[in-house]
Amino acid sequence: MITTVLCRPLGRDEIILRIDELCDVLEDCVRGGASVSFVLPITRDTAMHFWQGVAESVGRGERAVLIAENADFRIIGTAQIILDQPPNQPHRADVAKLLVHQSARRQGVARQLMDNLDDIAKKNGKTLLVLDTATGSDAEFFYARSGWERVGEIPGYAQMPDGTVTGTTIFYKNLTSNAI
């Protein structure tokens, strides 16, 4: 089932205004086992600190944050694109923290967020996107099905929320046939 959601970017101030909803999504994903840089137990203070840092990064123009809202205008998903890159990589951006609330999964929300991230990347002159995700995760299969190219795996890269060690799989996506 595909759910139509509104995907749109949030600026620094709106991230702060809606930080509780963003924390809810992050905490739900971590409790659900998503490997997104956090381990259990995740506290509200930890989630708040993360989103405050993201808001400041958005304010500096280093990244963009997208949200997906349901029909009640509640945040059910979010994703980030890190636009600020070294001088020798102005064509590249990193995709980070694709988070979809467990109650909204398998409804096309992640696909809509990723399509919108592609648009933001193109508007910012980016032609190459990269990301990494936990090896063997649902996210790995999602990216492979979504046209991302698998580069390889680094074993023992990070901990899952429950503390078990997992590898990470690296992907890239060219946004234009003229990409480097």
Foldseek 3Di string as FASTA:
>chain_A
DAADWDKDWDALVVCVVQVVLQLVQVCQCQVVFFDAPAAPPDDSVNSSVVSNVVSVCRVVVQKIKMFTAHPVRGTFWMWMKGQDDDPVQNQEIEIHDTTGRPVCPPRCPSVVRVVVVLVVSVVSNHFKYKYKGFPPDPVVVVCVVNQWAWDAKDAQDDAINHGDGTIMIMTMDGSDPPDD
